[in-house]
């Protein structure tokens, strides 16, 4: 077999395209409802509490590590844009609260736009 024949055969074969996952937004928008509906943007996959601290969102907190429960807040809009509930959150929030959108800001990472109240 000559190299030219091999090149021609490779060009004719179709390689199926790999599925492309939708890209996560590079920035997300957070609306802090209790802080005069203050809107800020932040990098996707950021901690909600860290966004609040950096952007003066106003979510109350003490420990920042899921121990005290002080940063309990409610995702009013965009719950689907947050990560899964962590075991530390289940120590402070019952199933009814979780169903209503309550989370601990220190344990919640944001993947898309949300509105939050506390």
PDB file of N, CA and C in Angstrom:
ATOM      1  N   UNK A   1       0.839  -1.174   0.000  1.00  0.00           N
ATOM      2  CA  UNK A   1       0.000   0.000   0.000  1.00  0.00           C
ATOM      3  C   UNK A   1       0.884   1.236   0.000  1.00  0.00           C
ATOM      4  N   UNK A   2       0.501   2.173  -0.793  1.00  0.00           N
ATOM      5  CA  UNK A   2       1.246   3.423  -0.868  1.00  0.00           C
ATOM      6  C   UNK A   2       0.646   4.443   0.081  1.00  0.00           C
ATOM      7  N   UNK A   3       1.463   5.429   0.478  1.00  0.00           N
ATOM      8  CA  UNK A   3       0.986   6.452   1.409  1.00  0.00           C
ATOM      9  C   UNK A   3      -0.183   7.246   0.835  1.00  0.00           C
ATOM     10  N   UNK A   4      -0.159   7.506  -0.445  1.00  0.00           N
ATOM     11  CA  UNK A   4      -1.248   8.250  -1.089  1.00  0.00           C
ATOM     12  C   UNK A   4      -2.562   7.518  -0.959  1.00  0.00           C
ATOM     13  N   UNK A   5      -2.545   6.170  -1.104  1.00  0.00           N
ATOM     14  CA  UNK A   5      -3.770   5.385  -0.970  1.00  0.00           C
ATOM     15  C   UNK A   5      -4.307   5.454   0.461  1.00  0.00           C
ATOM     16  N   UNK A   6      -3.408   5.378   1.426  1.00  0.00           N
ATOM     17  CA  UNK A   6      -3.806   5.440   2.827  1.00  0.00           C
ATOM     18  C   UNK A   6      -4.410   6.803   3.149  1.00  0.00           C
ATOM     19  N   UNK A   7      -3.783   7.865   2.666  1.00  0.00           N
ATOM     20  CA  UNK A   7      -4.309   9.209   2.904  1.00  0.00           C
ATOM     21  C   UNK A   7      -5.697   9.362   2.293  1.00  0.00           C
ATOM     22  N   UNK A   8      -5.904   8.851   1.113  1.00  0.00           N
ATOM     23  CA  UNK A   8      -7.199   8.967   0.442  1.00  0.00           C
ATOM     24  C   UNK A   8      -8.259   8.194   1.220  1.00  0.00           C
ATOM     25  N   UNK A   9      -7.917   7.023   1.734  1.00  0.00           N
ATOM     26  CA  UNK A   9      -8.864   6.220   2.482  1.00  0.00           C
ATOM     27  C   UNK A   9      -9.238   6.905   3.806  1.00  0.00           C
ATOM     28  N   UNK A  10      -8.280   7.507   4.472  1.00  0.00           N
ATOM     29  CA  UNK A  10      -8.550   8.196   5.727  1.00  0.00           C
ATOM     30  C   UNK A  10      -9.444   9.403   5.525  1.00  0.00           C
ATOM     31  N   UNK A  11      -9.267  10.092   4.430  1.00  0.00           N
ATOM     32  CA  UNK A  11     -10.072  11.269   4.148  1.00  0.00           C
ATOM     33  C   UNK A  11     -11.511  10.874   3.881  1.00  0.00           C
ATOM     34  N   UNK A  12     -11.749   9.727   3.232  1.00  0.00           N
ATOM     35  CA  UNK A  12     -13.106   9.300   2.876  1.00  0.00           C
ATOM     36  C   UNK A  12     -13.894   8.791   4.078  1.00  0.00           C
ATOM     37  N   UNK A  13     -13.220   8.232   5.095  1.00  0.00           N
ATOM     38  CA  UNK A  13     -13.931   7.701   6.244  1.00  0.00           C
ATOM     39  C   UNK A  13     -14.459   8.846   7.107  1.00  0.00           C
ATOM     40  N   UNK A  14     -15.725   8.728   7.471  1.00  0.00           N
ATOM     41  CA  UNK A  14     -16.312   9.752   8.327  1.00  0.00           C
ATOM     42  C   UNK A  14     -16.129   9.357   9.782  1.00  0.00           C
ATOM     43  N   UNK A  15     -15.669  10.280  10.541  1.00  0.00           N
ATOM     44  CA  UNK A  15     -15.511  10.065  11.968  1.00  0.00           C
ATOM     45  C   UNK A  15     -16.669  10.765  12.654  1.00  0.00           C
ATOM     46  N   UNK A  16     -17.446  10.016  13.464  1.00  0.00           N
ATOM     47  CA  UNK A  16     -18.578  10.679  14.120  1.00  0.00           C
ATOM     48  C   UNK A  16     -18.088  11.769  15.074  1.00  0.00           C
ATOM     49  N   UNK A  17     -18.798  12.855  15.076  1.00  0.00           N
ATOM     50  CA  UNK A  17     -18.427  13.976  15.944  1.00  0.00           C
ATOM     51  C   UNK A  17     -18.753  13.629  17.393  1.00  0.00           C
ATOM     52  N   UNK A  18     -17.891  14.023  18.284  1.00  0.00           N
ATOM     53  CA  UNK A  18     -18.125  13.813  19.712  1.00  0.00           C
ATOM     54  C   UNK A  18     -19.245  14.749  20.160  1.00  0.00           C
ATOM     55  N   UNK A  19     -20.130  14.265  21.031  1.00  0.00           N
ATOM     56  CA  UNK A  19     -21.194  15.156  21.502  1.00  0.00           C
ATOM     57  C   UNK A  19     -20.598  16.328  22.267  1.00  0.00           C
ATOM     58  N   UNK A  20     -21.186  17.473  22.043  1.00  0.00           N
ATOM     59  CA  UNK A  20     -20.695  18.691  22.676  1.00  0.00           C
ATOM     60  C   UNK A  20     -21.674  19.079  23.771  1.00  0.00           C
ATOM     61  N   UNK A  21     -21.186  19.125  25.002  1.00  0.00           N
ATOM     62  CA  UNK A  21     -22.026  19.546  26.117  1.00  0.00           C
ATOM     63  C   UNK A  21     -22.185  21.058  26.062  1.00  0.00           C
ATOM     64  N   UNK A  22     -23.375  21.543  26.452  1.00  0.00           N
ATOM     65  CA  UNK A  22     -23.536  22.992  26.467  1.00  0.00           C
ATOM     66  C   UNK A  22     -22.547  23.614  27.446  1.00  0.00           C
ATOM     67  N   UNK A  23     -21.943  24.684  27.027  1.00  0.00           N
ATOM     68  CA  UNK A  23     -20.942  25.353  27.863  1.00  0.00           C
ATOM     69  C   UNK A  23     -21.625  26.069  29.020  1.00  0.00           C
ATOM     70  N   UNK A  24     -21.041  25.957  30.186  1.00  0.00           N
ATOM     71  CA  UNK A  24     -21.552  26.695  31.339  1.00  0.00           C
ATOM     72  C   UNK A  24     -21.214  28.169  31.149  1.00  0.00           C
ATOM     73  N   UNK A  25     -22.100  29.040  31.604  1.00  0.00           N
ATOM     74  CA  UNK A  25     -21.787  30.468  31.438  1.00  0.00           C
ATOM     75  C   UNK A  25     -20.530  30.829  32.226  1.00  0.00           C
ATOM     76  N   UNK A  26     -19.732  31.704  31.664  1.00  0.00           N
ATOM     77  CA  UNK A  26     -18.510  32.135  32.344  1.00  0.00           C
ATOM     78  C   UNK A  26     -18.844  33.011  33.551  1.00  0.00           C
ATOM     79  N   UNK A  27     -19.932  33.731  33.456  1.00  0.00           N
ATOM     80  CA  UNK A  27     -20.378  34.611  34.547  1.00  0.00           C
ATOM     81  C   UNK A  27     -21.834  34.282  34.874  1.00  0.00           C
ATOM     82  N   UNK A  28     -22.189  34.454  36.129  1.00  0.00           N
ATOM     83  CA  UNK A  28     -23.566  34.285  36.564  1.00  0.00           C
ATOM     84  C   UNK A  28     -24.031  35.590  37.203  1.00  0.00           C
ATOM     85  N   UNK A  29     -25.345  35.763  37.259  1.00  0.00           N
ATOM     86  CA  UNK A  29     -25.909  36.964  37.874  1.00  0.00           C
ATOM     87  C   UNK A  29     -26.645  36.538  39.152  1.00  0.00           C
ATOM     88  N   UNK A  30     -26.317  37.184  40.245  1.00  0.00           N
ATOM     89  CA  UNK A  30     -26.941  36.915  41.533  1.00  0.00           C
ATOM     90  C   UNK A  30     -27.735  38.158  41.927  1.00  0.00           C
ATOM     91  N   UNK A  31     -28.994  37.953  42.315  1.00  0.00           N
ATOM     92  CA  UNK A  31     -29.809  39.043  42.826  1.00  0.00           C
ATOM     93  C   UNK A  31     -30.023  38.802  44.318  1.00  0.00           C
ATOM     94  N   UNK A  32     -29.549  39.724  45.141  1.00  0.00           N
ATOM     95  CA  UNK A  32     -29.707  39.656  46.595  1.00  0.00           C
ATOM     96  C   UNK A  32     -30.985  40.418  46.949  1.00  0.00           C
ATOM     97  N   UNK A  33     -32.078  39.691  47.106  1.00  0.00           N
ATOM     98  CA  UNK A  33     -33.387  40.312  47.267  1.00  0.00           C
ATOM     99  C   UNK A  33     -33.485  41.169  48.523  1.00  0.00           C
ATOM    100  N   UNK A  34     -32.897  40.748  49.638  1.00  0.00           N
ATOM    101  CA  UNK A  34     -32.987  41.507  50.889  1.00  0.00           C
ATOM    102  C   UNK A  34     -32.071  42.728  50.905  1.00  0.00           C
ATOM    103  N   UNK A  35     -31.254  42.867  49.901  1.00  0.00           N
ATOM    104  CA  UNK A  35     -30.321  43.994  49.824  1.00  0.00           C
ATOM    105  C   UNK A  35     -30.732  44.888  48.651  1.00  0.00           C
ATOM    106  N   UNK A  36     -31.985  45.369  48.720  1.00  0.00           N
ATOM    107  CA  UNK A  36     -32.534  46.255  47.675  1.00  0.00           C
ATOM    108  C   UNK A  36     -32.415  45.646  46.280  1.00  0.00           C
ATOM    109  N   UNK A  37     -32.551  44.310  46.207  1.00  0.00           N
ATOM    110  CA  UNK A  37     -32.468  43.580  44.941  1.00  0.00           C
ATOM    111  C   UNK A  37     -31.160  43.876  44.201  1.00  0.00           C
ATOM    112  N   UNK A  38     -30.112  43.991  44.965  1.00  0.00           N
ATOM    113  CA  UNK A  38     -28.773  44.237  44.397  1.00  0.00           C
ATOM    114  C   UNK A  38     -28.396  43.102  43.453  1.00  0.00           C
ATOM    115  N   UNK A  39     -27.991  43.451  42.241  1.00  0.00           N
ATOM    116  CA  UNK A  39     -27.562  42.460  41.254  1.00  0.00           C
ATOM    117  C   UNK A  39     -26.065  42.567  41.037  1.00  0.00           C
ATOM    118  N   UNK A  40     -25.404  41.409  41.043  1.00  0.00           N
ATOM    119  CA  UNK A  40     -23.966  41.356  40.812  1.00  0.00           C
ATOM    120  C   UNK A  40     -23.680  40.219  39.842  1.00  0.00           C
ATOM    121  N   UNK A  41     -22.521  40.266  39.228  1.00  0.00           N
ATOM    122  CA  UNK A  41     -22.093  39.128  38.411  1.00  0.00           C
ATOM    123  C   UNK A  41     -20.846  38.540  39.052  1.00  0.00           C
ATOM    124  N   UNK A  42     -20.685  37.239  38.850  1.00  0.00           N
ATOM    125  CA  UNK A  42     -19.569  36.521  39.463  1.00  0.00           C
ATOM    126  C   UNK A  42     -19.197  35.355  38.553  1.00  0.00           C
ATOM    127  N   UNK A  43     -18.007  34.809  38.724  1.00  0.00           N
ATOM    128  CA  UNK A  43     -17.626  33.636  37.935  1.00  0.00           C
ATOM    129  C   UNK A  43     -18.553  32.461  38.250  1.00  0.00           C
ATOM    130  N   UNK A  44     -18.894  31.682  37.238  1.00  0.00           N
ATOM    131  CA  UNK A  44     -19.702  30.480  37.441  1.00  0.00           C
ATOM    132  C   UNK A  44     -18.967  29.528  38.373  1.00  0.00           C
ATOM    133  N   UNK A  45     -19.721  28.695  39.062  1.00  0.00           N
ATOM    134  CA  UNK A  45     -19.196  27.693  39.997  1.00  0.00           C
ATOM    135  C   UNK A  45     -18.550  28.320  41.227  1.00  0.00           C
ATOM    136  N   UNK A  46     -19.004  29.490  41.614  1.00  0.00           N
ATOM    137  CA  UNK A  46     -18.498  30.161  42.815  1.00  0.00           C
ATOM    138  C   UNK A  46     -19.407  29.864  43.996  1.00  0.00           C
ATOM    139  N   UNK A  47     -18.835  29.931  45.195  1.00  0.00           N
ATOM    140  CA  UNK A  47     -19.592  29.783  46.432  1.00  0.00           C
ATOM    141  C   UNK A  47     -20.504  30.993  46.603  1.00  0.00           C
ATOM    142  N   UNK A  48     -21.758  30.731  46.935  1.00  0.00           N
ATOM    143  CA  UNK A  48     -22.711  31.823  47.129  1.00  0.00           C
ATOM    144  C   UNK A  48     -22.268  32.743  48.265  1.00  0.00           C
ATOM    145  N   UNK A  49     -21.759  32.192  49.350  1.00  0.00           N
ATOM    146  CA  UNK A  49     -21.312  33.037  50.456  1.00  0.00           C
ATOM    147  C   UNK A  49     -20.118  33.894  50.041  1.00  0.00           C
ATOM    148  N   UNK A  50     -19.191  33.323  49.324  1.00  0.00           N
ATOM    149  CA  UNK A  50     -18.030  34.123  48.888  1.00  0.00           C
ATOM    150  C   UNK A  50     -18.444  35.239  47.943  1.00  0.00           C
ATOM    151  N   UNK A  51     -19.411  34.959  47.075  1.00  0.00           N
ATOM    152  CA  UNK A  51     -19.923  36.024  46.198  1.00  0.00           C
ATOM    153  C   UNK A  51     -20.527  37.124  47.062  1.00  0.00           C
ATOM    154  N   UNK A  52     -21.343  36.728  48.052  1.00  0.00           N
ATOM    155  CA  UNK A  52     -21.979  37.711  48.925  1.00  0.00           C
ATOM    156  C   UNK A  52     -20.948  38.557  49.658  1.00  0.00           C
ATOM    157  N   UNK A  53     -19.900  37.927  50.155  1.00  0.00           N
ATOM    158  CA  UNK A  53     -18.859  38.674  50.865  1.00  0.00           C
ATOM    159  C   UNK A  53     -18.117  39.625  49.939  1.00  0.00           C
ATOM    160  N   UNK A  54     -17.723  39.112  48.785  1.00  0.00           N
ATOM    161  CA  UNK A  54     -16.935  39.918  47.840  1.00  0.00           C
ATOM    162  C   UNK A  54     -17.735  41.097  47.288  1.00  0.00           C
ATOM    163  N   UNK A  55     -19.037  40.857  47.043  1.00  0.00           N
ATOM    164  CA  UNK A  55     -19.868  41.878  46.388  1.00  0.00           C
ATOM    165  C   UNK A  55     -20.792  42.618  47.357  1.00  0.00           C
ATOM    166  N   UNK A  56     -20.590  42.412  48.666  1.00  0.00           N
ATOM    167  CA  UNK A  56     -21.414  43.045  49.698  1.00  0.00           C
ATOM    168  C   UNK A  56     -22.900  42.754  49.499  1.00  0.00           C
ATOM    169  N   UNK A  57     -23.184  41.466  49.270  1.00  0.00           N
ATOM    170  CA  UNK A  57     -24.573  41.038  49.068  1.00  0.00           C
ATOM    171  C   UNK A  57     -25.405  41.065  50.334  1.00  0.00           C
ATOM    172  N   UNK A  58     -24.770  40.787  51.483  1.00  0.00           N
ATOM    173  CA  UNK A  58     -25.460  40.928  52.749  1.00  0.00           C
ATOM    174  C   UNK A  58     -25.951  39.653  53.413  1.00  0.00           C
ATOM    175  N   UNK A  59     -25.681  38.484  52.859  1.00  0.00           N
ATOM    176  CA  UNK A  59     -26.124  37.246  53.511  1.00  0.00           C
ATOM    177  C   UNK A  59     -25.384  37.126  54.845  1.00  0.00           C
ATOM    178  N   UNK A  60     -26.126  36.964  55.962  1.00  0.00           N
ATOM    179  CA  UNK A  60     -25.457  36.849  57.255  1.00  0.00           C
ATOM    180  C   UNK A  60     -24.672  35.545  57.358  1.00  0.00           C
ATOM    181  N   UNK A  61     -23.597  35.563  58.166  1.00  0.00           N
ATOM    182  CA  UNK A  61     -22.797  34.349  58.354  1.00  0.00           C
ATOM    183  C   UNK A  61     -21.967  34.502  59.616  1.00  0.00           C
ATOM    184  N   UNK A  62     -21.481  33.375  60.120  1.00  0.00           N
ATOM    185  CA  UNK A  62     -20.527  33.388  61.234  1.00  0.00           C
ATOM    186  C   UNK A  62     -19.331  32.518  60.893  1.00  0.00           C
ATOM    187  N   UNK A  63     -19.559  31.234  60.649  1.00  0.00           N
ATOM    188  CA  UNK A  63     -18.406  30.331  60.510  1.00  0.00           C
ATOM    189  C   UNK A  63     -17.912  30.172  59.073  1.00  0.00           C
ATOM    190  N   UNK A  64     -18.807  30.176  58.099  1.00  0.00           N
ATOM    191  CA  UNK A  64     -18.409  30.010  56.702  1.00  0.00           C
ATOM    192  C   UNK A  64     -18.061  28.585  56.315  1.00  0.00           C
ATOM    193  N   UNK A  65     -18.330  27.607  57.197  1.00  0.00           N
ATOM    194  CA  UNK A  65     -17.951  26.228  56.914  1.00  0.00           C
ATOM    195  C   UNK A  65     -19.056  25.199  57.084  1.00  0.00           C
ATOM    196  N   UNK A  66     -20.303  25.632  57.208  1.00  0.00           N
ATOM    197  CA  UNK A  66     -21.408  24.693  57.325  1.00  0.00           C
ATOM    198  C   UNK A  66     -21.640  24.167  58.728  1.00  0.00           C
ATOM    199  N   UNK A  67     -21.022  24.779  59.726  1.00  0.00           N
ATOM    200  CA  UNK A  67     -21.150  24.301  61.099  1.00  0.00           C
ATOM    201  C   UNK A  67     -22.304  24.991  61.827  1.00  0.00           C
ATOM    202  N   UNK A  68     -22.426  26.310  61.659  1.00  0.00           N
ATOM    203  CA  UNK A  68     -23.377  27.065  62.486  1.00  0.00           C
ATOM    204  C   UNK A  68     -24.769  27.212  61.873  1.00  0.00           C
ATOM    205  N   UNK A  69     -24.893  27.226  60.572  1.00  0.00           N
ATOM    206  CA  UNK A  69     -26.189  27.390  59.923  1.00  0.00           C
ATOM    207  C   UNK A  69     -26.655  28.825  59.796  1.00  0.00           C
ATOM    208  N   UNK A  70     -25.830  29.779  60.195  1.00  0.00           N
ATOM    209  CA  UNK A  70     -26.209  31.192  60.169  1.00  0.00           C
ATOM    210  C   UNK A  70     -26.507  31.693  58.749  1.00  0.00           C
ATOM    211  N   UNK A  71     -25.842  31.138  57.760  1.00  0.00           N
ATOM    212  CA  UNK A  71     -25.993  31.635  56.379  1.00  0.00           C
ATOM    213  C   UNK A  71     -27.163  30.978  55.645  1.00  0.00           C
ATOM    214  N   UNK A  72     -28.140  30.463  56.404  1.00  0.00           N
ATOM    215  CA  UNK A  72     -29.327  29.868  55.778  1.00  0.00           C
ATOM    216  C   UNK A  72     -30.018  30.920  54.920  1.00  0.00           C
ATOM    217  N   UNK A  73     -30.295  30.564  53.708  1.00  0.00           N
ATOM    218  CA  UNK A  73     -30.953  31.476  52.776  1.00  0.00           C
ATOM    219  C   UNK A  73     -31.875  30.659  51.883  1.00  0.00           C
ATOM    220  N   UNK A  74     -32.697  31.348  51.103  1.00  0.00           N
ATOM    221  CA  UNK A  74     -33.625  30.645  50.209  1.00  0.00           C
ATOM    222  C   UNK A  74     -33.367  31.077  48.772  1.00  0.00           C
ATOM    223  N   UNK A  75     -33.146  30.104  47.923  1.00  0.00           N
ATOM    224  CA  UNK A  75     -32.996  30.370  46.487  1.00  0.00           C
ATOM    225  C   UNK A  75     -34.414  30.550  45.949  1.00  0.00           C
ATOM    226  N   UNK A  76     -34.773  31.782  45.665  1.00  0.00           N
ATOM    227  CA  UNK A  76     -36.128  32.109  45.234  1.00  0.00           C
ATOM    228  C   UNK A  76     -36.315  31.788  43.758  1.00  0.00           C
ATOM    229  N   UNK A  77     -35.338  32.124  42.961  1.00  0.00           N
ATOM    230  CA  UNK A  77     -35.358  31.828  41.522  1.00  0.00           C
ATOM    231  C   UNK A  77     -34.047  31.172  41.136  1.00  0.00           C
ATOM    232  N   UNK A  78     -34.109  30.168  40.273  1.00  0.00           N
ATOM    233  CA  UNK A  78     -32.903  29.556  39.737  1.00  0.00           C
ATOM    234  C   UNK A  78     -32.336  28.413  40.561  1.00  0.00           C
ATOM    235  N   UNK A  79     -33.187  27.720  41.330  1.00  0.00           N
ATOM    236  CA  UNK A  79     -32.679  26.581  42.120  1.00  0.00           C
ATOM    237  C   UNK A  79     -31.913  25.576  41.275  1.00  0.00           C
ATOM    238  N   UNK A  80     -32.353  25.413  40.031  1.00  0.00           N
ATOM    239  CA  UNK A  80     -31.694  24.467  39.120  1.00  0.00           C
ATOM    240  C   UNK A  80     -30.279  24.907  38.769  1.00  0.00           C
ATOM    241  N   UNK A  81     -29.940  26.140  39.100  1.00  0.00           N
ATOM    242  CA  UNK A  81     -28.603  26.680  38.807  1.00  0.00           C
ATOM    243  C   UNK A  81     -27.657  26.593  40.007  1.00  0.00           C
ATOM    244  N   UNK A  82     -28.001  25.721  40.953  1.00  0.00           N
ATOM    245  CA  UNK A  82     -27.124  25.487  42.102  1.00  0.00           C
ATOM    246  C   UNK A  82     -26.733  24.013  42.132  1.00  0.00           C
ATOM    247  N   UNK A  83     -25.676  23.718  42.865  1.00  0.00           N
ATOM    248  CA  UNK A  83     -25.208  22.330  42.947  1.00  0.00           C
ATOM    249  C   UNK A  83     -26.065  21.524  43.924  1.00  0.00           C
ATOM    250  N   UNK A  84     -25.710  20.268  44.106  1.00  0.00           N
ATOM    251  CA  UNK A  84     -26.462  19.361  44.975  1.00  0.00           C
ATOM    252  C   UNK A  84     -26.311  19.751  46.442  1.00  0.00           C
ATOM    253  N   UNK A  85     -27.347  19.443  47.213  1.00  0.00           N
ATOM    254  CA  UNK A  85     -27.344  19.704  48.654  1.00  0.00           C
ATOM    255  C   UNK A  85     -26.269  18.835  49.311  1.00  0.00           C
ATOM    256  N   UNK A  86     -25.508  19.442  50.208  1.00  0.00           N
ATOM    257  CA  UNK A  86     -24.407  18.759  50.890  1.00  0.00           C
ATOM    258  C   UNK A  86     -24.885  18.157  52.215  1.00  0.00           C
ATOM    259  N   UNK A  87     -24.177  17.143  52.737  1.00  0.00           N
ATOM    260  CA  UNK A  87     -24.530  16.557  54.039  1.00  0.00           C
ATOM    261  C   UNK A  87     -24.549  17.595  55.171  1.00  0.00           C
ATOM    262  N   UNK A  88     -23.641  18.555  55.155  1.00  0.00           N
ATOM    263  CA  UNK A  88     -23.625  19.595  56.205  1.00  0.00           C
ATOM    264  C   UNK A  88     -24.928  20.394  56.204  1.00  0.00           C
ATOM    265  N   UNK A  89     -25.511  20.595  55.024  1.00  0.00           N
ATOM    266  CA  UNK A  89     -26.767  21.340  54.944  1.00  0.00           C
ATOM    267  C   UNK A  89     -27.912  20.543  55.557  1.00  0.00           C
ATOM    268  N   UNK A  90     -27.879  19.240  55.361  1.00  0.00           N
ATOM    269  CA  UNK A  90     -28.945  18.373  55.896  1.00  0.00           C
ATOM    270  C   UNK A  90     -28.958  18.365  57.422  1.00  0.00           C
ATOM    271  N   UNK A  91     -27.864  18.756  58.060  1.00  0.00           N
ATOM    272  CA  UNK A  91     -27.820  18.849  59.524  1.00  0.00           C
ATOM    273  C   UNK A  91     -28.592  20.065  60.026  1.00  0.00           C
ATOM    274  N   UNK A  92     -28.766  21.078  59.173  1.00  0.00           N
ATOM    275  CA  UNK A  92     -29.420  22.329  59.574  1.00  0.00           C
ATOM    276  C   UNK A  92     -30.781  22.530  58.918  1.00  0.00           C
ATOM    277  N   UNK A  93     -31.041  21.830  57.839  1.00  0.00           N
ATOM    278  CA  UNK A  93     -32.266  22.044  57.071  1.00  0.00           C
ATOM    279  C   UNK A  93     -33.039  20.735  56.947  1.00  0.00           C
ATOM    280  N   UNK A  94     -34.344  20.777  57.232  1.00  0.00           N
ATOM    281  CA  UNK A  94     -35.149  19.559  57.073  1.00  0.00           C
ATOM    282  C   UNK A  94     -35.643  19.457  55.624  1.00  0.00           C
ATOM    283  N   UNK A  95     -36.282  18.349  55.319  1.00  0.00           N
ATOM    284  CA  UNK A  95     -36.724  18.110  53.933  1.00  0.00           C
ATOM    285  C   UNK A  95     -37.703  19.178  53.443  1.00  0.00           C
ATOM    286  N   UNK A  96     -38.579  19.652  54.321  1.00  0.00           N
ATOM    287  CA  UNK A  96     -39.530  20.697  53.923  1.00  0.00           C
ATOM    288  C   UNK A  96     -38.802  21.981  53.542  1.00  0.00           C
ATOM    289  N   UNK A  97     -37.790  22.352  54.314  1.00  0.00           N
ATOM    290  CA  UNK A  97     -37.022  23.560  53.995  1.00  0.00           C
ATOM    291  C   UNK A  97     -36.258  23.391  52.690  1.00  0.00           C
ATOM    292  N   UNK A  98     -35.658  22.237  52.495  1.00  0.00           N
ATOM    293  CA  UNK A  98     -34.939  21.987  51.239  1.00  0.00           C
ATOM    294  C   UNK A  98     -35.893  22.065  50.052  1.00  0.00           C
ATOM    295  N   UNK A  99     -37.095  21.531  50.217  1.00  0.00           N
ATOM    296  CA  UNK A  99     -38.091  21.573  49.137  1.00  0.00           C
ATOM    297  C   UNK A  99     -38.513  23.004  48.820  1.00  0.00           C
ATOM    298  N   UNK A 100     -38.446  23.888  49.820  1.00  0.00           N
ATOM    299  CA  UNK A 100     -38.804  25.293  49.616  1.00  0.00           C
ATOM    300  C   UNK A 100     -37.649  26.111  49.050  1.00  0.00           C
ATOM    301  N   UNK A 101     -36.480  25.486  48.885  1.00  0.00           N
ATOM    302  CA  UNK A 101     -35.343  26.187  48.289  1.00  0.00           C
ATOM    303  C   UNK A 101     -34.324  26.702  49.281  1.00  0.00           C
ATOM    304  N   UNK A 102     -34.449  26.328  50.557  1.00  0.00           N
ATOM    305  CA  UNK A 102     -33.469  26.791  51.547  1.00  0.00           C
ATOM    306  C   UNK A 102     -32.148  26.050  51.356  1.00  0.00           C
ATOM    307  N   UNK A 103     -31.065  26.786  51.527  1.00  0.00           N
ATOM    308  CA  UNK A 103     -29.704  26.251  51.436  1.00  0.00           C
ATOM    309  C   UNK A 103     -28.823  26.992  52.427  1.00  0.00           C
ATOM    310  N   UNK A 104     -27.618  26.475  52.643  1.00  0.00           N
ATOM    311  CA  UNK A 104     -26.589  27.210  53.372  1.00  0.00           C
ATOM    312  C   UNK A 104     -25.713  27.875  52.314  1.00  0.00           C
ATOM    313  N   UNK A 105     -25.571  29.179  52.379  1.00  0.00           N
ATOM    314  CA  UNK A 105     -24.811  29.913  51.363  1.00  0.00           C
ATOM    315  C   UNK A 105     -23.368  29.439  51.281  1.00  0.00           C
ATOM    316  N   UNK A 106     -22.797  29.038  52.427  1.00  0.00           N
ATOM    317  CA  UNK A 106     -21.392  28.623  52.436  1.00  0.00           C
ATOM    318  C   UNK A 106     -21.181  27.282  51.731  1.00  0.00           C
ATOM    319  N   UNK A 107     -22.241  26.517  51.553  1.00  0.00           N
ATOM    320  CA  UNK A 107     -22.130  25.190  50.944  1.00  0.00           C
ATOM    321  C   UNK A 107     -22.678  25.159  49.514  1.00  0.00           C
ATOM    322  N   UNK A 108     -23.241  26.254  49.054  1.00  0.00           N
ATOM    323  CA  UNK A 108     -23.923  26.310  47.761  1.00  0.00           C
ATOM    324  C   UNK A 108     -23.039  26.946  46.698  1.00  0.00           C
ATOM    325  N   UNK A 109     -22.883  26.237  45.593  1.00  0.00           N
ATOM    326  CA  UNK A 109     -22.124  26.758  44.456  1.00  0.00           C
ATOM    327  C   UNK A 109     -23.097  27.052  43.326  1.00  0.00           C
ATOM    328  N   UNK A 110     -22.887  28.189  42.680  1.00  0.00           N
ATOM    329  CA  UNK A 110     -23.830  28.718  41.699  1.00  0.00           C
ATOM    330  C   UNK A 110     -23.299  28.489  40.282  1.00  0.00           C
ATOM    331  N   UNK A 111     -24.160  27.886  39.446  1.00  0.00           N
ATOM    332  CA  UNK A 111     -23.789  27.573  38.060  1.00  0.00           C
ATOM    333  C   UNK A 111     -24.516  28.439  37.034  1.00  0.00           C
ATOM    334  N   UNK A 112     -25.492  29.185  37.476  1.00  0.00           N
ATOM    335  CA  UNK A 112     -26.276  30.038  36.585  1.00  0.00           C
ATOM    336  C   UNK A 112     -26.945  31.127  37.412  1.00  0.00           C
ATOM    337  N   UNK A 113     -27.804  31.919  36.790  1.00  0.00           N
ATOM    338  CA  UNK A 113     -28.424  33.058  37.455  1.00  0.00           C
ATOM    339  C   UNK A 113     -29.385  32.605  38.548  1.00  0.00           C
ATOM    340  N   UNK A 114     -29.351  33.307  39.688  1.00  0.00           N
ATOM    341  CA  UNK A 114     -30.262  33.015  40.799  1.00  0.00           C
ATOM    342  C   UNK A 114     -30.709  34.320  41.458  1.00  0.00           C
ATOM    343  N   UNK A 115     -31.787  34.210  42.233  1.00  0.00           N
ATOM    344  CA  UNK A 115     -32.222  35.276  43.152  1.00  0.00           C
ATOM    345  C   UNK A 115     -32.287  34.626  44.525  1.00  0.00           C
ATOM    346  N   UNK A 116     -31.751  35.302  45.542  1.00  0.00           N
ATOM    347  CA  UNK A 116     -31.637  34.723  46.876  1.00  0.00           C
ATOM    348  C   UNK A 116     -32.181  35.686  47.931  1.00  0.00           C
ATOM    349  N   UNK A 117     -32.857  35.115  48.943  1.00  0.00           N
ATOM    350  CA  UNK A 117     -33.365  35.902  50.072  1.00  0.00           C
ATOM    351  C   UNK A 117     -32.952  35.209  51.365  1.00  0.00           C
ATOM    352  N   UNK A 118     -32.973  35.916  52.472  1.00  0.00           N
ATOM    353  CA  UNK A 118     -32.635  35.333  53.776  1.00  0.00           C
ATOM    354  C   UNK A 118     -33.460  35.941  54.875  1.00  0.00           C
TER     355      UNK A 118
END
